[in-house]
PDB file of all heavy atoms in Angstrom:
ATOM      1  N   PRO A   1     123.612 -94.908 -48.594  1.00  0.00           N
ATOM      2  CA  PRO A   1     124.683 -95.867 -48.878  1.00  0.00           C
ATOM      3  C   PRO A   1     126.054 -95.228 -48.677  1.00  0.00           C
ATOM      4  O   PRO A   1     126.205 -94.004 -48.760  1.00  0.00           O
ATOM      5  CB  PRO A   1     124.451 -96.218 -50.353  1.00  0.00           C
ATOM      6  CG  PRO A   1     122.984 -95.986 -50.566  1.00  0.00           C
ATOM      7  CD  PRO A   1     122.654 -94.796 -49.713  1.00  0.00           C
ATOM      8  N   LEU A   2     127.059 -96.062 -48.424  1.00  0.00           N
ATOM      9  CA  LEU A   2     128.418 -95.567 -48.237  1.00  0.00           C
ATOM     10  C   LEU A   2     128.935 -94.955 -49.531  1.00  0.00           C
ATOM     11  O   LEU A   2     128.775 -95.519 -50.616  1.00  0.00           O
ATOM     12  CB  LEU A   2     129.335 -96.701 -47.797  1.00  0.00           C
ATOM     13  CG  LEU A   2     129.096 -97.252 -46.383  1.00  0.00           C
ATOM     14  CD1 LEU A   2     129.967 -98.479 -46.157  1.00  0.00           C
ATOM     15  CD2 LEU A   2     129.388 -96.197 -45.333  1.00  0.00           C
ATOM     16  N   ASP A   3     129.588 -93.801 -49.410  1.00  0.00           N
ATOM     17  CA  ASP A   3     130.064 -93.037 -50.565  1.00  0.00           C
ATOM     18  C   ASP A   3     131.491 -93.424 -50.937  1.00  0.00           C
ATOM     19  O   ASP A   3     132.305 -93.766 -50.076  1.00  0.00           O
ATOM     20  CB  ASP A   3     130.027 -91.541 -50.257  1.00  0.00           C
ATOM     21  CG  ASP A   3     128.618 -91.032 -50.013  1.00  0.00           C
ATOM     22  OD1 ASP A   3     127.696 -91.486 -50.709  1.00  0.00           O
ATOM     23  OD2 ASP A   3     128.444 -90.177 -49.120  1.00  0.00           O
ATOM     24  N   ALA A   4     131.785 -93.300 -52.234  1.00  0.00           N
ATOM     25  CA  ALA A   4     133.124 -93.588 -52.736  1.00  0.00           C
ATOM     26  C   ALA A   4     133.551 -92.487 -53.695  1.00  0.00           C
ATOM     27  O   ALA A   4     132.733 -91.949 -54.449  1.00  0.00           O
ATOM     28  CB  ALA A   4     133.143 -94.937 -53.458  1.00  0.00           C
ATOM     29  N   ILE A   5     134.835 -92.180 -53.677  1.00  0.00           N
ATOM     30  CA  ILE A   5     135.432 -91.318 -54.692  1.00  0.00           C
ATOM     31  C   ILE A   5     136.537 -92.140 -55.352  1.00  0.00           C
ATOM     32  O   ILE A   5     137.456 -92.631 -54.677  1.00  0.00           O
ATOM     33  CB  ILE A   5     135.966 -89.998 -54.096  1.00  0.00           C
ATOM     34  CG1 ILE A   5     136.528 -89.078 -55.179  1.00  0.00           C
ATOM     35  CG2 ILE A   5     136.959 -90.216 -52.974  1.00  0.00           C
ATOM     36  CD1 ILE A   5     135.503 -88.256 -55.882  1.00  0.00           C
ATOM     37  N   VAL A   6     136.402 -92.382 -56.659  1.00  0.00           N
ATOM     38  CA  VAL A   6     137.331 -93.241 -57.395  1.00  0.00           C
ATOM     39  C   VAL A   6     138.299 -92.349 -58.157  1.00  0.00           C
ATOM     40  O   VAL A   6     137.917 -91.649 -59.100  1.00  0.00           O
ATOM     41  CB  VAL A   6     136.577 -94.172 -58.358  1.00  0.00           C
ATOM     42  CG1 VAL A   6     137.558 -95.117 -59.045  1.00  0.00           C
ATOM     43  CG2 VAL A   6     135.499 -94.965 -57.621  1.00  0.00           C
ATOM     44  N   LEU A   7     139.563 -92.362 -57.741  1.00  0.00           N
ATOM     45  CA  LEU A   7     140.567 -91.516 -58.362  1.00  0.00           C
ATOM     46  C   LEU A   7     141.015 -92.107 -59.701  1.00  0.00           C
ATOM     47  O   LEU A   7     140.953 -93.315 -59.914  1.00  0.00           O
ATOM     48  CB  LEU A   7     141.768 -91.360 -57.432  1.00  0.00           C
ATOM     49  CG  LEU A   7     141.460 -90.857 -56.013  1.00  0.00           C
ATOM     50  CD1 LEU A   7     142.755 -90.684 -55.222  1.00  0.00           C
ATOM     51  CD2 LEU A   7     140.679 -89.551 -56.059  1.00  0.00           C
ATOM     52  N   GLY A   8     141.462 -91.216 -60.593  1.00  0.00           N
ATOM     53  CA  GLY A   8     141.915 -91.665 -61.904  1.00  0.00           C
ATOM     54  C   GLY A   8     141.011 -91.153 -63.004  1.00  0.00           C
ATOM     55  O   GLY A   8     140.187 -90.254 -62.788  1.00  0.00           O
ATOM     56  N   PRO A   9     141.120 -91.711 -64.211  1.00  0.00           N
ATOM     57  CA  PRO A   9     140.303 -91.261 -65.338  1.00  0.00           C
ATOM     58  C   PRO A   9     138.812 -91.362 -65.048  1.00  0.00           C
ATOM     59  O   PRO A   9     138.372 -92.227 -64.286  1.00  0.00           O
ATOM     60  CB  PRO A   9     140.715 -92.217 -66.470  1.00  0.00           C
ATOM     61  CG  PRO A   9     142.073 -92.711 -66.085  1.00  0.00           C
ATOM     62  CD  PRO A   9     142.066 -92.776 -64.596  1.00  0.00           C
ATOM     63  N   ALA A  10     138.044 -90.474 -65.676  1.00  0.00           N
ATOM     64  CA  ALA A  10     136.594 -90.459 -65.471  1.00  0.00           C
ATOM     65  C   ALA A  10     135.965 -91.787 -65.903  1.00  0.00           C
ATOM     66  O   ALA A  10     136.395 -92.405 -66.888  1.00  0.00           O
ATOM     67  CB  ALA A  10     135.975 -89.309 -66.245  1.00  0.00           C
ATOM     68  N   VAL A  11     134.947 -92.187 -65.169  1.00  0.00           N
ATOM     69  CA  VAL A  11     134.186 -93.405 -65.464  1.00  0.00           C
ATOM     70  C   VAL A  11     132.754 -92.994 -65.775  1.00  0.00           C
ATOM     71  O   VAL A  11     132.199 -92.097 -65.127  1.00  0.00           O
ATOM     72  CB  VAL A  11     134.205 -94.370 -64.270  1.00  0.00           C
ATOM     73  CG1 VAL A  11     133.437 -95.646 -64.592  1.00  0.00           C
ATOM     74  CG2 VAL A  11     135.636 -94.699 -63.858  1.00  0.00           C
ATOM     75  N   ASP A  12     132.132 -93.626 -66.751  1.00  0.00           N
ATOM     76  CA  ASP A  12     130.776 -93.257 -67.160  1.00  0.00           C
ATOM     77  C   ASP A  12     129.770 -93.426 -66.031  1.00  0.00           C
ATOM     78  O   ASP A  12     129.856 -94.358 -65.232  1.00  0.00           O
ATOM     79  CB  ASP A  12     130.317 -94.131 -68.342  1.00  0.00           C
ATOM     80  CG  ASP A  12     131.062 -93.825 -69.625  1.00  0.00           C
ATOM     81  OD1 ASP A  12     131.650 -92.731 -69.725  1.00  0.00           O
ATOM     82  OD2 ASP A  12     131.051 -94.684 -70.521  1.00  0.00           O
ATOM     83  N   ARG A  13     128.812 -92.521 -65.995  1.00  0.00           N
ATOM     84  CA  ARG A  13     127.687 -92.651 -65.059  1.00  0.00           C
ATOM     85  C   ARG A  13     126.942 -93.960 -65.338  1.00  0.00           C
ATOM     86  O   ARG A  13     126.690 -94.322 -66.478  1.00  0.00           O
ATOM     87  CB  ARG A  13     126.744 -91.459 -65.194  1.00  0.00           C
ATOM     88  CG  ARG A  13     125.516 -91.528 -64.288  1.00  0.00           C
ATOM     89  CD  ARG A  13     124.676 -90.270 -64.401  1.00  0.00           C
ATOM     90  NE  ARG A  13     125.403 -89.114 -63.895  1.00  0.00           N
ATOM     91  CZ  ARG A  13     125.832 -88.103 -64.638  1.00  0.00           C
ATOM     92  NH1 ARG A  13     125.574 -88.089 -65.945  1.00  0.00           N
ATOM     93  NH2 ARG A  13     126.491 -87.109 -64.110  1.00  0.00           N
ATOM     94  N   GLY A  14     126.606 -94.684 -64.278  1.00  0.00           N
ATOM     95  CA  GLY A  14     125.901 -95.943 -64.439  1.00  0.00           C
ATOM     96  C   GLY A  14     126.804 -97.159 -64.548  1.00  0.00           C
ATOM     97  O   GLY A  14     126.320 -98.292 -64.493  1.00  0.00           O
ATOM     98  N   ALA A  15     128.117 -96.926 -64.685  1.00  0.00           N
ATOM     99  CA  ALA A  15     129.048 -98.057 -64.714  1.00  0.00           C
ATOM    100  C   ALA A  15     129.220 -98.608 -63.309  1.00  0.00           C
ATOM    101  O   ALA A  15     129.126 -97.889 -62.320  1.00  0.00           O
ATOM    102  CB  ALA A  15     130.400 -97.619 -65.274  1.00  0.00           C
ATOM    103  N   VAL A  16     129.463 -99.908 -63.226  1.00  0.00           N
ATOM    104  CA  VAL A  16     129.800-100.554 -61.962  1.00  0.00           C
ATOM    105  C   VAL A  16     131.257-100.986 -62.078  1.00  0.00           C
ATOM    106  O   VAL A  16     131.599-101.797 -62.938  1.00  0.00           O
ATOM    107  CB  VAL A  16     128.892-101.765 -61.687  1.00  0.00           C
ATOM    108  CG1 VAL A  16     129.271-102.415 -60.351  1.00  0.00           C
ATOM    109  CG2 VAL A  16     127.423-101.355 -61.675  1.00  0.00           C
ATOM    110  N   VAL A  17     132.106-100.405 -61.245  1.00  0.00           N
ATOM    111  CA  VAL A  17     133.548-100.620 -61.385  1.00  0.00           C
ATOM    112  C   VAL A  17     134.108-101.370 -60.186  1.00  0.00           C
ATOM    113  O   VAL A  17     133.642-101.226 -59.058  1.00  0.00           O
ATOM    114  CB  VAL A  17     134.309 -99.287 -61.569  1.00  0.00           C
ATOM    115  CG1 VAL A  17     133.944 -98.657 -62.891  1.00  0.00           C
ATOM    116  CG2 VAL A  17     134.039 -98.321 -60.428  1.00  0.00           C
ATOM    117  N   ARG A  18     135.105-102.141 -60.478  1.00  0.00           N
ATOM    118  CA  ARG A  18     135.830-102.891 -59.444  1.00  0.00           C
ATOM    119  C   ARG A  18     136.945-102.001 -58.910  1.00  0.00           C
ATOM    120  O   ARG A  18     137.753-101.478 -59.688  1.00  0.00           O
ATOM    121  CB  ARG A  18     136.392-104.166 -60.062  1.00  0.00           C
ATOM    122  CG  ARG A  18     137.142-105.081 -59.110  1.00  0.00           C
ATOM    123  CD  ARG A  18     137.819-106.170 -59.922  1.00  0.00           C
ATOM    124  NE  ARG A  18     138.541-107.096 -59.075  1.00  0.00           N
ATOM    125  CZ  ARG A  18     138.074-108.280 -58.706  1.00  0.00           C
ATOM    126  NH1 ARG A  18     136.892-108.691 -59.139  1.00  0.00           N
ATOM    127  NH2 ARG A  18     138.789-109.068 -57.924  1.00  0.00           N
ATOM    128  N   VAL A  19     137.000-101.817 -57.596  1.00  0.00           N
ATOM    129  CA  VAL A  19     137.969-100.883 -57.026  1.00  0.00           C
ATOM    130  C   VAL A  19     138.739-101.513 -55.875  1.00  0.00           C
ATOM    131  O   VAL A  19     138.357-102.540 -55.318  1.00  0.00           O
ATOM    132  CB  VAL A  19     137.275 -99.592 -56.517  1.00  0.00           C
ATOM    133  CG1 VAL A  19     136.481 -98.934 -57.630  1.00  0.00           C
ATOM    134  CG2 VAL A  19     136.386 -99.878 -55.299  1.00  0.00           C
ATOM    135  N   LYS A  20     139.817-100.802 -55.528  1.00  0.00           N
ATOM    136  CA  LYS A  20     140.583-101.093 -54.319  1.00  0.00           C
ATOM    137  C   LYS A  20     140.416 -99.893 -53.396  1.00  0.00           C
ATOM    138  O   LYS A  20     140.622 -98.747 -53.822  1.00  0.00           O
ATOM    139  CB  LYS A  20     142.054-101.315 -54.684  1.00  0.00           C
ATOM    140  CG  LYS A  20     142.992-101.454 -53.509  1.00  0.00           C
ATOM    141  CD  LYS A  20     144.399-101.853 -53.968  1.00  0.00           C
ATOM    142  CE  LYS A  20     145.015-100.883 -54.941  1.00  0.00           C
ATOM    143  NZ  LYS A  20     146.419-101.212 -55.271  1.00  0.00           N
ATOM    144  N   VAL A  21     140.026-100.120 -52.157  1.00  0.00           N
ATOM    145  CA  VAL A  21     139.866 -99.032 -51.191  1.00  0.00           C
ATOM    146  C   VAL A  21     141.204 -98.791 -50.513  1.00  0.00           C
ATOM    147  O   VAL A  21     141.806 -99.720 -49.964  1.00  0.00           O
ATOM    148  CB  VAL A  21     138.795 -99.373 -50.143  1.00  0.00           C
ATOM    149  CG1 VAL A  21     138.633 -98.222 -49.160  1.00  0.00           C
ATOM    150  CG2 VAL A  21     137.463 -99.676 -50.815  1.00  0.00           C
ATOM    151  N   ILE A  22     141.697 -97.536 -50.554  1.00  0.00           N
ATOM    152  CA  ILE A  22     143.018 -97.238 -49.982  1.00  0.00           C
ATOM    153  C   ILE A  22     142.944 -96.305 -48.783  1.00  0.00           C
ATOM    154  O   ILE A  22     143.968 -96.049 -48.143  1.00  0.00           O
ATOM    155  CB  ILE A  22     143.965 -96.653 -51.053  1.00  0.00           C
ATOM    156  CG1 ILE A  22     143.442 -95.323 -51.589  1.00  0.00           C
ATOM    157  CG2 ILE A  22     144.191 -97.666 -52.177  1.00  0.00           C
ATOM    158  CD1 ILE A  22     144.448 -94.592 -52.486  1.00  0.00           C
ATOM    159  N   GLY A  23     141.775 -95.779 -48.469  1.00  0.00           N
ATOM    160  CA  GLY A  23     141.673 -94.895 -47.323  1.00  0.00           C
ATOM    161  C   GLY A  23     140.278 -94.328 -47.187  1.00  0.00           C
ATOM    162  O   GLY A  23     139.375 -94.651 -47.961  1.00  0.00           O
ATOM    163  N   VAL A  24     140.117 -93.464 -46.199  1.00  0.00           N
ATOM    164  CA  VAL A  24     138.818 -92.858 -45.949  1.00  0.00           C
ATOM    165  C   VAL A  24     139.009 -91.406 -45.521  1.00  0.00           C
ATOM    166  O   VAL A  24     139.924 -91.088 -44.754  1.00  0.00           O
ATOM    167  CB  VAL A  24     138.031 -93.646 -44.876  1.00  0.00           C
ATOM    168  CG1 VAL A  24     138.801 -93.724 -43.563  1.00  0.00           C
ATOM    169  CG2 VAL A  24     136.664 -93.045 -44.641  1.00  0.00           C
ATOM    170  N   LEU A  25     138.170 -90.539 -46.062  1.00  0.00           N
ATOM    171  CA  LEU A  25     138.082 -89.156 -45.602  1.00  0.00           C
ATOM    172  C   LEU A  25     136.906 -89.097 -44.648  1.00  0.00           C
ATOM    173  O   LEU A  25     135.754 -89.269 -45.049  1.00  0.00           O
ATOM    174  CB  LEU A  25     137.860 -88.203 -46.784  1.00  0.00           C
ATOM    175  CG  LEU A  25     137.598 -86.741 -46.413  1.00  0.00           C
ATOM    176  CD1 LEU A  25     138.797 -86.130 -45.692  1.00  0.00           C
ATOM    177  CD2 LEU A  25     137.252 -85.928 -47.649  1.00  0.00           C
ATOM    178  N   ARG A  26     137.199 -88.896 -43.381  1.00  0.00           N
ATOM    179  CA  ARG A  26     136.132 -88.815 -42.390  1.00  0.00           C
ATOM    180  C   ARG A  26     135.662 -87.370 -42.282  1.00  0.00           C
ATOM    181  O   ARG A  26     136.473 -86.455 -42.094  1.00  0.00           O
ATOM    182  CB  ARG A  26     136.615 -89.339 -41.040  1.00  0.00           C
ATOM    183  CG  ARG A  26     137.005 -90.824 -41.079  1.00  0.00           C
ATOM    184  CD  ARG A  26     137.072 -91.419 -39.682  1.00  0.00           C
ATOM    185  NE  ARG A  26     137.440 -92.832 -39.705  1.00  0.00           N
ATOM    186  CZ  ARG A  26     136.597 -93.825 -39.904  1.00  0.00           C
ATOM    187  NH1 ARG A  26     135.305 -93.558 -40.113  1.00  0.00           N
ATOM    188  NH2 ARG A  26     137.003 -95.078 -39.901  1.00  0.00           N
ATOM    189  N   LEU A  27     134.344 -87.174 -42.424  1.00  0.00           N
ATOM    190  CA  LEU A  27     133.804 -85.827 -42.335  1.00  0.00           C
ATOM    191  C   LEU A  27     132.400 -85.843 -41.755  1.00  0.00           C
ATOM    192  O   LEU A  27     131.730 -86.873 -41.716  1.00  0.00           O
ATOM    193  CB  LEU A  27     133.832 -85.131 -43.698  1.00  0.00           C
ATOM    194  CG  LEU A  27     133.052 -85.727 -44.879  1.00  0.00           C
ATOM    195  CD1 LEU A  27     131.579 -85.326 -44.832  1.00  0.00           C
ATOM    196  CD2 LEU A  27     133.653 -85.255 -46.194  1.00  0.00           C
ATOM    197  N   LEU A  28     131.973 -84.676 -41.321  1.00  0.00           N
ATOM    198  CA  LEU A  28     130.616 -84.464 -40.835  1.00  0.00           C
ATOM    199  C   LEU A  28     129.931 -83.465 -41.758  1.00  0.00           C
ATOM    200  O   LEU A  28     130.504 -82.433 -42.103  1.00  0.00           O
ATOM    201  CB  LEU A  28     130.631 -83.918 -39.399  1.00  0.00           C
ATOM    202  CG  LEU A  28     131.290 -84.792 -38.335  1.00  0.00           C
ATOM    203  CD1 LEU A  28     131.317 -84.060 -36.995  1.00  0.00           C
ATOM    204  CD2 LEU A  28     130.563 -86.123 -38.199  1.00  0.00           C
ATOM    205  N   ASP A  29     128.717 -83.793 -42.172  1.00  0.00           N
ATOM    206  CA  ASP A  29     127.905 -82.921 -43.015  1.00  0.00           C
ATOM    207  C   ASP A  29     126.679 -82.525 -42.202  1.00  0.00           C
ATOM    208  O   ASP A  29     125.810 -83.354 -41.930  1.00  0.00           O
ATOM    209  CB  ASP A  29     127.495 -83.664 -44.291  1.00  0.00           C
ATOM    210  CG  ASP A  29     126.774 -82.773 -45.293  1.00  0.00           C
ATOM    211  OD1 ASP A  29     126.345 -81.664 -44.914  1.00  0.00           O
ATOM    212  OD2 ASP A  29     126.631 -83.185 -46.456  1.00  0.00           O
ATOM    213  N   ASP A  30     126.637 -81.268 -41.795  1.00  0.00           N
ATOM    214  CA  ASP A  30     125.565 -80.810 -40.895  1.00  0.00           C
ATOM    215  C   ASP A  30     125.489 -81.668 -39.637  1.00  0.00           C
ATOM    216  O   ASP A  30     124.409 -81.995 -39.145  1.00  0.00           O
ATOM    217  CB  ASP A  30     124.208 -80.817 -41.609  1.00  0.00           C
ATOM    218  CG  ASP A  30     123.905 -79.475 -42.271  1.00  0.00           C
ATOM    219  OD1 ASP A  30     124.642 -78.498 -42.006  1.00  0.00           O
ATOM    220  OD2 ASP A  30     122.934 -79.399 -43.036  1.00  0.00           O
ATOM    221  N   GLY A  31     126.648 -82.079 -39.142  1.00  0.00           N
ATOM    222  CA  GLY A  31     126.717 -82.851 -37.913  1.00  0.00           C
ATOM    223  C   GLY A  31     126.552 -84.345 -38.069  1.00  0.00           C
ATOM    224  O   GLY A  31     126.728 -85.091 -37.102  1.00  0.00           O
ATOM    225  N   GLU A  32     126.215 -84.814 -39.287  1.00  0.00           N
ATOM    226  CA  GLU A  32     126.046 -86.238 -39.533  1.00  0.00           C
ATOM    227  C   GLU A  32     127.299 -86.833 -40.165  1.00  0.00           C
ATOM    228  O   GLU A  32     127.920 -86.217 -41.032  1.00  0.00           O
ATOM    229  CB  GLU A  32     124.855 -86.494 -40.452  1.00  0.00           C
ATOM    230  CG  GLU A  32     123.506 -86.120 -39.857  1.00  0.00           C
ATOM    231  CD  GLU A  32     122.362 -86.413 -40.790  1.00  0.00           C
ATOM    232  OE1 GLU A  32     122.571 -86.433 -42.021  1.00  0.00           O
ATOM    233  OE2 GLU A  32     121.243 -86.620 -40.288  1.00  0.00           O
ATOM    234  N   GLN A  33     127.648 -88.042 -39.735  1.00  0.00           N
ATOM    235  CA  GLN A  33     128.791 -88.733 -40.320  1.00  0.00           C
ATOM    236  C   GLN A  33     128.532 -89.001 -41.798  1.00  0.00           C
ATOM    237  O   GLN A  33     127.483 -89.526 -42.170  1.00  0.00           O
ATOM    238  CB  GLN A  33     129.034 -90.056 -39.586  1.00  0.00           C
ATOM    239  CG  GLN A  33     130.260 -90.812 -40.071  1.00  0.00           C
ATOM    240  CD  GLN A  33     130.446 -92.133 -39.338  1.00  0.00           C
ATOM    241  OE1 GLN A  33     129.681 -92.461 -38.433  1.00  0.00           O
ATOM    242  NE2 GLN A  33     131.452 -92.897 -39.728  1.00  0.00           N
ATOM    243  N   ASP A  34     129.497 -88.634 -42.642  1.00  0.00           N
ATOM    244  CA  ASP A  34     129.314 -88.783 -44.085  1.00  0.00           C
ATOM    245  C   ASP A  34     130.662 -89.117 -44.726  1.00  0.00           C
ATOM    246  O   ASP A  34     131.137 -88.416 -45.616  1.00  0.00           O
ATOM    247  CB  ASP A  34     128.731 -87.492 -44.679  1.00  0.00           C
ATOM    248  CG  ASP A  34     128.202 -87.677 -46.088  1.00  0.00           C
ATOM    249  OD1 ASP A  34     127.984 -88.833 -46.498  1.00  0.00           O
ATOM    250  OD2 ASP A  34     128.016 -86.667 -46.791  1.00  0.00           O
ATOM    251  N   ASP A  35     131.281 -90.183 -44.253  1.00  0.00           N
ATOM    252  CA  ASP A  35     132.616 -90.561 -44.705  1.00  0.00           C
ATOM    253  C   ASP A  35     132.657 -90.856 -46.203  1.00  0.00           C
ATOM    254  O   ASP A  35     131.681 -91.345 -46.779  1.00  0.00           O
ATOM    255  CB  ASP A  35     133.105 -91.787 -43.942  1.00  0.00           C
ATOM    256  CG  ASP A  35     133.247 -91.537 -42.450  1.00  0.00           C
ATOM    257  OD1 ASP A  35     133.351 -90.367 -42.048  1.00  0.00           O
ATOM    258  OD2 ASP A  35     133.263 -92.527 -41.689  1.00  0.00           O
ATOM    259  N   LYS A  36     133.808 -90.569 -46.806  1.00  0.00           N
ATOM    260  CA  LYS A  36     134.047 -90.853 -48.219  1.00  0.00           C
ATOM    261  C   LYS A  36     135.214 -91.829 -48.321  1.00  0.00           C
ATOM    262  O   LYS A  36     136.337 -91.505 -47.927  1.00  0.00           O
ATOM    263  CB  LYS A  36     134.386 -89.572 -48.985  1.00  0.00           C
ATOM    264  CG  LYS A  36     133.456 -88.393 -48.700  1.00  0.00           C
ATOM    265  CD  LYS A  36     132.018 -88.659 -49.077  1.00  0.00           C
ATOM    266  CE  LYS A  36     131.134 -87.457 -48.754  1.00  0.00           C
ATOM    267  NZ  LYS A  36     129.695 -87.717 -49.050  1.00  0.00           N
ATOM    268  N   LEU A  37     134.940 -93.024 -48.851  1.00  0.00           N
ATOM    269  CA  LEU A  37     136.003 -93.996 -49.037  1.00  0.00           C
ATOM    270  C   LEU A  37     136.762 -93.695 -50.324  1.00  0.00           C
ATOM    271  O   LEU A  37     136.161 -93.514 -51.388  1.00  0.00           O
ATOM    272  CB  LEU A  37     135.422 -95.404 -49.065  1.00  0.00           C
ATOM    273  CG  LEU A  37     134.873 -95.879 -47.708  1.00  0.00           C
ATOM    274  CD1 LEU A  37     134.076 -97.153 -47.869  1.00  0.00           C
ATOM    275  CD2 LEU A  37     135.999 -96.078 -46.716  1.00  0.00           C
ATOM    276  N   ILE A  38     138.062 -93.599 -50.224  1.00  0.00           N
ATOM    277  CA  ILE A  38     138.922 -93.221 -51.350  1.00  0.00           C
ATOM    278  C   ILE A  38     139.402 -94.491 -52.039  1.00  0.00           C
ATOM    279  O   ILE A  38     139.979 -95.385 -51.402  1.00  0.00           O
ATOM    280  CB  ILE A  38     140.102 -92.370 -50.857  1.00  0.00           C
ATOM    281  CG1 ILE A  38     139.570 -91.099 -50.167  1.00  0.00           C
ATOM    282  CG2 ILE A  38     141.023 -91.999 -52.014  1.00  0.00           C
ATOM    283  CD1 ILE A  38     140.634 -90.301 -49.448  1.00  0.00           C
ATOM    284  N   CYS A  39     139.157 -94.563 -53.348  1.00  0.00           N
ATOM    285  CA  CYS A  39     139.401 -95.794 -54.104  1.00  0.00           C
ATOM    286  C   CYS A  39     140.253 -95.531 -55.333  1.00  0.00           C
ATOM    287  O   CYS A  39     140.313 -94.412 -55.853  1.00  0.00           O
ATOM    288  CB  CYS A  39     138.073 -96.403 -54.563  1.00  0.00           C
ATOM    289  SG  CYS A  39     136.840 -96.603 -53.266  1.00  0.00           S
ATOM    290  N   VAL A  40     140.886 -96.584 -55.816  1.00  0.00           N
ATOM    291  CA  VAL A  40     141.613 -96.554 -57.085  1.00  0.00           C
ATOM    292  C   VAL A  40     141.245 -97.819 -57.857  1.00  0.00           C
ATOM    293  O   VAL A  40     140.665 -98.757 -57.303  1.00  0.00           O
ATOM    294  CB  VAL A  40     143.137 -96.476 -56.875  1.00  0.00           C
ATOM    295  CG1 VAL A  40     143.525 -95.150 -56.228  1.00  0.00           C
ATOM    296  CG2 VAL A  40     143.645 -97.643 -56.029  1.00  0.00           C
ATOM    297  N   ARG A  41     141.613 -97.835 -59.141  1.00  0.00           N
ATOM    298  CA  ARG A  41     141.310 -98.972 -59.997  1.00  0.00           C
ATOM    299  C   ARG A  41     142.601 -99.589 -60.519  1.00  0.00           C
ATOM    300  O   ARG A  41     143.467 -98.884 -61.040  1.00  0.00           O
ATOM    301  CB  ARG A  41     140.433 -98.542 -61.174  1.00  0.00           C
ATOM    302  CG  ARG A  41     139.081 -97.990 -60.767  1.00  0.00           C
ATOM    303  CD  ARG A  41     138.411 -97.275 -61.915  1.00  0.00           C
ATOM    304  NE  ARG A  41     138.164 -98.163 -63.029  1.00  0.00           N
ATOM    305  CZ  ARG A  41     137.971 -97.743 -64.285  1.00  0.00           C
ATOM    306  NH1 ARG A  41     138.023 -96.456 -64.570  1.00  0.00           N
ATOM    307  NH2 ARG A  41     137.733 -98.617 -65.234  1.00  0.00           N
ATOM    308  N   LYS A  42     142.730-100.888 -60.367  1.00  0.00           N
ATOM    309  CA  LYS A  42     143.919-101.593 -60.827  1.00  0.00           C
ATOM    310  C   LYS A  42     144.123-101.374 -62.321  1.00  0.00           C
ATOM    311  O   LYS A  42     143.177-101.461 -63.103  1.00  0.00           O
ATOM    312  CB  LYS A  42     143.779-103.079 -60.529  1.00  0.00           C
ATOM    313  CG  LYS A  42     145.024-103.901 -60.850  1.00  0.00           C
ATOM    314  CD  LYS A  42     144.829-105.361 -60.471  1.00  0.00           C
ATOM    315  CE  LYS A  42     146.065-106.180 -60.809  1.00  0.00           C
ATOM    316  NZ  LYS A  42     145.881-107.616 -60.444  1.00  0.00           N
ATOM    317  N   GLY A  43     145.375-101.079 -62.704  1.00  0.00           N
ATOM    318  CA  GLY A  43     145.699-100.874 -64.111  1.00  0.00           C
ATOM    319  C   GLY A  43     145.474 -99.460 -64.599  1.00  0.00           C
ATOM    320  O   GLY A  43     145.800 -99.146 -65.746  1.00  0.00           O
ATOM    321  N   GLU A  44     144.911 -98.595 -63.748  1.00  0.00           N
ATOM    322  CA  GLU A  44     144.683 -97.201 -64.109  1.00  0.00           C
ATOM    323  C   GLU A  44     145.689 -96.320 -63.359  1.00  0.00           C
ATOM    324  O   GLU A  44     146.295 -96.752 -62.376  1.00  0.00           O
ATOM    325  CB  GLU A  44     143.259 -96.781 -63.737  1.00  0.00           C
ATOM    326  CG  GLU A  44     142.163 -97.527 -64.473  1.00  0.00           C
ATOM    327  CD  GLU A  44     142.028 -97.082 -65.921  1.00  0.00           C
ATOM    328  OE1 GLU A  44     142.669 -96.083 -66.297  1.00  0.00           O
ATOM    329  OE2 GLU A  44     141.291 -97.736 -66.677  1.00  0.00           O
TER     330      GLU A  44
END
């Protein structure tokens, strides 16, 4: 599945959070595309 990194205060494991996507870190992991979408949360 597509990966996300949510900036701001820590969120509990297992929570489902509503986010805004503001960018992407494009990277290769052992030659495979493994992009990380950079997200923030409204009000945080």
